[in-house]
C-alpha atoms as a PDB file:
ATOM      1  CA  MET A   1      70.744 -71.435  19.875  1.00  0.00           C
ATOM      2  CA  ILE A   2      73.478 -74.079  21.359  1.00  0.00           C
ATOM      3  CA  LEU A   3      73.880 -74.730  25.422  1.00  0.00           C
ATOM      4  CA  PHE A   4      76.689 -76.474  26.350  1.00  0.00           C
ATOM      5  CA  TYR A   5      75.949 -78.203  29.464  1.00  0.00           C
ATOM      6  CA  ASP A   6      77.733 -80.591  32.090  1.00  0.00           C
ATOM      7  CA  LYS A   7      76.132 -83.990  31.559  1.00  0.00           C
ATOM      8  CA  ARG A   8      76.634 -84.904  35.326  1.00  0.00           C
ATOM      9  CA  ASP A   9      74.535 -82.359  37.013  1.00  0.00           C
ATOM     10  CA  GLY A  10      72.912 -80.278  33.754  1.00  0.00           C
ATOM     11  CA  LYS A  11      73.912 -76.898  34.482  1.00  0.00           C
ATOM     12  CA  VAL A  12      74.849 -74.789  31.552  1.00  0.00           C
ATOM     13  CA  PHE A  13      78.076 -72.970  31.755  1.00  0.00           C
ATOM     14  CA  ALA A  14      78.347 -71.562  27.725  1.00  0.00           C
ATOM     15  CA  THR A  15      76.191 -70.877  25.096  1.00  0.00           C
ATOM     16  CA  THR A  16      76.536 -69.873  20.784  1.00  0.00           C
ATOM     17  CA  ASP A  17      73.705 -67.797  19.670  1.00  0.00           C
ATOM     18  CA  GLY A  18      71.764 -68.828  16.372  1.00  0.00           C
ATOM     19  CA  ARG A  19      68.228 -69.963  15.456  1.00  0.00           C
ATOM     20  CA  VAL A  20      69.462 -72.194  12.371  1.00  0.00           C
ATOM     21  CA  HIS A  21      73.212 -73.641  12.779  1.00  0.00           C
ATOM     22  CA  ASN A  22      75.495 -75.414   9.930  1.00  0.00           C
ATOM     23  CA  GLN A  23      77.156 -78.646  10.203  1.00  0.00           C
ATOM     24  CA  LYS A  24      80.170 -76.534  10.949  1.00  0.00           C
ATOM     25  CA  ARG A  25      78.748 -74.729  14.092  1.00  0.00           C
ATOM     26  CA  LEU A  26      77.369 -78.023  15.086  1.00  0.00           C
ATOM     27  CA  LYS A  27      81.067 -79.458  15.513  1.00  0.00           C
ATOM     28  CA  CYS A  28      82.023 -76.739  17.796  1.00  0.00           C
ATOM     29  CA  PHE A  29      83.063 -78.117  20.984  1.00  0.00           C
ATOM     30  CA  VAL A  30      83.433 -75.608  24.293  1.00  0.00           C
ATOM     31  CA  ASN A  31      85.641 -77.614  27.301  1.00  0.00           C
ATOM     32  CA  ASP A  32      86.184 -75.612  29.786  1.00  0.00           C
ATOM     33  CA  GLY A  33      88.045 -78.386  31.744  1.00  0.00           C
ATOM     34  CA  ARG A  34      85.602 -80.582  32.427  1.00  0.00           C
ATOM     35  CA  GLY A  35      86.374 -82.889  30.219  1.00  0.00           C
ATOM     36  CA  LYS A  36      84.761 -84.003  26.335  1.00  0.00           C
ATOM     37  CA  LYS A  37      82.908 -86.754  28.051  1.00  0.00           C
ATOM     38  CA  ASN A  38      81.475 -84.543  30.723  1.00  0.00           C
ATOM     39  CA  ILE A  39      79.498 -82.167  28.333  1.00  0.00           C
ATOM     40  CA  GLY A  40      76.457 -82.017  26.641  1.00  0.00           C
ATOM     41  CA  LYS A  41      75.104 -79.885  23.748  1.00  0.00           C
ATOM     42  CA  PHE A  42      71.334 -78.656  24.228  1.00  0.00           C
ATOM     43  CA  ILE A  43      69.829 -77.094  20.870  1.00  0.00           C
ATOM     44  CA  ILE A  44      66.950 -74.529  20.555  1.00  0.00           C
ATOM     45  CA  GLY A  45      66.111 -73.977  17.019  1.00  0.00           C
ATOM     46  CA  TRP A  46      67.229 -75.875  13.434  1.00  0.00           C
ATOM     47  CA  GLU A  47      70.340 -78.134  12.062  1.00  0.00           C
ATOM     48  CA  GLU A  48      70.616 -77.457   8.570  1.00  0.00           C
ATOM     49  CA  LEU A  49      71.811 -80.392   6.863  1.00  0.00           C
ATOM     50  CA  ASP A  50      74.121 -80.547   3.704  1.00  0.00           C
ATOM     51  CA  GLU A  51      70.910 -81.944   1.663  1.00  0.00           C
ATOM     52  CA  THR A  52      68.415 -79.777  -0.423  1.00  0.00           C
ATOM     53  CA  GLU A  53      64.938 -80.848  -1.307  1.00  0.00           C
ATOM     54  CA  ASP A  54      62.498 -79.072  -3.909  1.00  0.00           C
ATOM     55  CA  LYS A  55      59.460 -77.219  -2.504  1.00  0.00           C
ATOM     56  CA  THR A  56      56.950 -76.032  -4.259  1.00  0.00           C
ATOM     57  CA  ILE A  57      55.689 -72.544  -4.205  1.00  0.00           C
ATOM     58  CA  ILE A  58      52.901 -70.123  -5.173  1.00  0.00           C
ATOM     59  CA  VAL A  59      54.265 -66.557  -6.719  1.00  0.00           C
ATOM     60  CA  GLU A  60      52.598 -63.849  -7.978  1.00  0.00           C
ATOM     61  CA  GLU A  61      53.725 -62.340 -11.419  1.00  0.00           C
ATOM     62  CA  LEU A  62      53.008 -60.046 -14.064  1.00  0.00           C
ATOM     63  CA  VAL A  63      52.000 -61.672 -17.182  1.00  0.00           C
ATOM     64  CA  GLU A  64      51.523 -60.006 -20.557  1.00  0.00           C
ATOM     65  CA  VAL A  65      48.193 -60.939 -21.918  1.00  0.00           C
ATOM     66  CA  GLU A  66      48.345 -58.221 -24.833  1.00  0.00           C
ATOM     67  CA  LYS A  67      51.191 -55.697 -25.832  1.00  0.00           C
ATOM     68  CA  GLY A  68      51.314 -53.400 -22.915  1.00  0.00           C
ATOM     69  CA  LEU A  69      48.914 -55.064 -21.092  1.00  0.00           C
ATOM     70  CA  PHE A  70      49.843 -57.429 -18.038  1.00  0.00           C
ATOM     71  CA  LYS A  71      47.702 -58.879 -14.935  1.00  0.00           C
ATOM     72  CA  LYS A  72      48.812 -60.524 -12.489  1.00  0.00           C
ATOM     73  CA  GLU A  73      48.830 -64.088 -12.039  1.00  0.00           C
ATOM     74  CA  LYS A  74      49.877 -66.984  -9.628  1.00  0.00           C
ATOM     75  CA  VAL A  75      52.293 -69.390 -10.533  1.00  0.00           C
ATOM     76  CA  GLU A  76      54.088 -72.278  -9.424  1.00  0.00           C
ATOM     77  CA  ARG A  77      57.642 -72.433  -8.638  1.00  0.00           C
ATOM     78  CA  ILE A  78      59.851 -75.198  -7.548  1.00  0.00           C
ATOM     79  CA  ILE A  79      63.014 -73.892  -5.921  1.00  0.00           C
ATOM     80  CA  LYS A  80      65.738 -75.880  -4.064  1.00  0.00           C
ATOM     81  CA  VAL A  81      65.480 -75.489   0.305  1.00  0.00           C
ATOM     82  CA  THR A  82      68.197 -76.665   2.368  1.00  0.00           C
ATOM     83  CA  LYS A  83      66.640 -79.367   4.131  1.00  0.00           C
ATOM     84  CA  LYS A  84      66.891 -78.634   8.644  1.00  0.00           C
ATOM     85  CA  ILE A  85      66.305 -80.866  11.732  1.00  0.00           C
ATOM     86  CA  GLU A  86      63.925 -79.075  13.865  1.00  0.00           C
ATOM     87  CA  HIS A  87      65.510 -79.223  17.788  1.00  0.00           C
ATOM     88  CA  ASN A  88      63.933 -78.489  21.256  1.00  0.00           C
ATOM     89  CA  LEU A  89      61.069 -76.213  19.441  1.00  0.00           C
ATOM     90  CA  ASP A  90      58.766 -76.562  22.609  1.00  0.00           C
ATOM     91  CA  GLN A  91      61.978 -74.720  24.453  1.00  0.00           C
ATOM     92  CA  PHE A  92      61.454 -71.739  21.399  1.00  0.00           C
ATOM     93  CA  GLU A  93      59.377 -69.045  23.690  1.00  0.00           C
ATOM     94  CA  LEU A  94      62.545 -69.525  26.327  1.00  0.00           C
ATOM     95  CA  LEU A  95      65.159 -68.937  23.199  1.00  0.00           C
ATOM     96  CA  GLN A  96      63.158 -65.996  22.274  1.00  0.00           C
ATOM     97  CA  LYS A  97      63.891 -64.462  26.313  1.00  0.00           C
ATOM     98  CA  PHE A  98      67.104 -65.287  26.131  1.00  0.00           C
ATOM     99  CA  GLU A  99      67.779 -63.365  22.737  1.00  0.00           C
ATOM    100  CA  ASP A 100      65.590 -60.412  24.439  1.00  0.00           C
ATOM    101  CA  ILE A 101      67.056 -57.287  26.151  1.00  0.00           C
ATOM    102  CA  SER A 102      65.690 -58.812  29.257  1.00  0.00           C
ATOM    103  CA  PRO A 103      66.719 -60.240  32.508  1.00  0.00           C
ATOM    104  CA  GLU A 104      66.717 -63.557  31.395  1.00  0.00           C
ATOM    105  CA  ASN A 105      70.186 -65.620  31.349  1.00  0.00           C
ATOM    106  CA  PRO A 106      71.250 -69.018  29.427  1.00  0.00           C
ATOM    107  CA  LEU A 107      73.797 -69.008  32.631  1.00  0.00           C
ATOM    108  CA  GLU A 108      71.026 -69.260  35.067  1.00  0.00           C
ATOM    109  CA  TYR A 109      69.366 -72.410  33.878  1.00  0.00           C
ATOM    110  CA  LYS A 110      70.389 -76.446  33.588  1.00  0.00           C
ATOM    111  CA  VAL A 111      68.905 -79.149  31.758  1.00  0.00           C
ATOM    112  CA  ASP A 112      67.044 -81.551  33.725  1.00  0.00           C
ATOM    113  CA  LEU A 113      68.267 -84.833  32.652  1.00  0.00           C
ATOM    114  CA  LYS A 114      65.268 -87.085  33.202  1.00  0.00           C
ATOM    115  CA  THR A 115      63.277 -84.478  31.252  1.00  0.00           C
ATOM    116  CA  ASN A 116      65.460 -82.981  29.012  1.00  0.00           C
ATOM    117  CA  LYS A 117      64.096 -79.431  29.119  1.00  0.00           C
ATOM    118  CA  LEU A 118      65.513 -76.397  30.630  1.00  0.00           C
ATOM    119  CA  VAL A 119      64.638 -75.663  34.159  1.00  0.00           C
ATOM    120  CA  LYS A 120      65.613 -71.902  36.172  1.00  0.00           C
ATOM    121  CA  VAL A 121      68.252 -73.163  38.266  1.00  0.00           C
ATOM    122  CA  ASP A 122      67.263 -72.251  41.853  1.00  0.00           C
ATOM    123  CA  ASN A 123      69.974 -70.066  43.519  1.00  0.00           C
ATOM    124  CA  LYS A 124      70.261 -72.470  46.137  1.00  0.00           C
ATOM    125  CA  ASP A 125      71.789 -75.163  43.746  1.00  0.00           C
END
């Protein structure tokens, strides 16, 4: 999820859903008249890079040992995976609450500008 917040007071005013964000989505910008210099982005999840890396995985495959006789064997395979950067995964539980059918609303939060953590806005704010 990407939360757009006012850099002056930290209050969240808009969001985009999702856990993995590609470069196109990360360039997305929401401006409700505050001005670009006053808007920050707080990402919870992963940033998908335009690069891949090799990853070794173990899979079970049926291997023919004799004609018509097969057995399962663990085999190493190398696959290409997209590189990802983690962002604020310590806040992931909160993201799950936002996604659930619950009364948690990301627009009732703000980014604490000192700690860079999400905190619920007191109704008095």
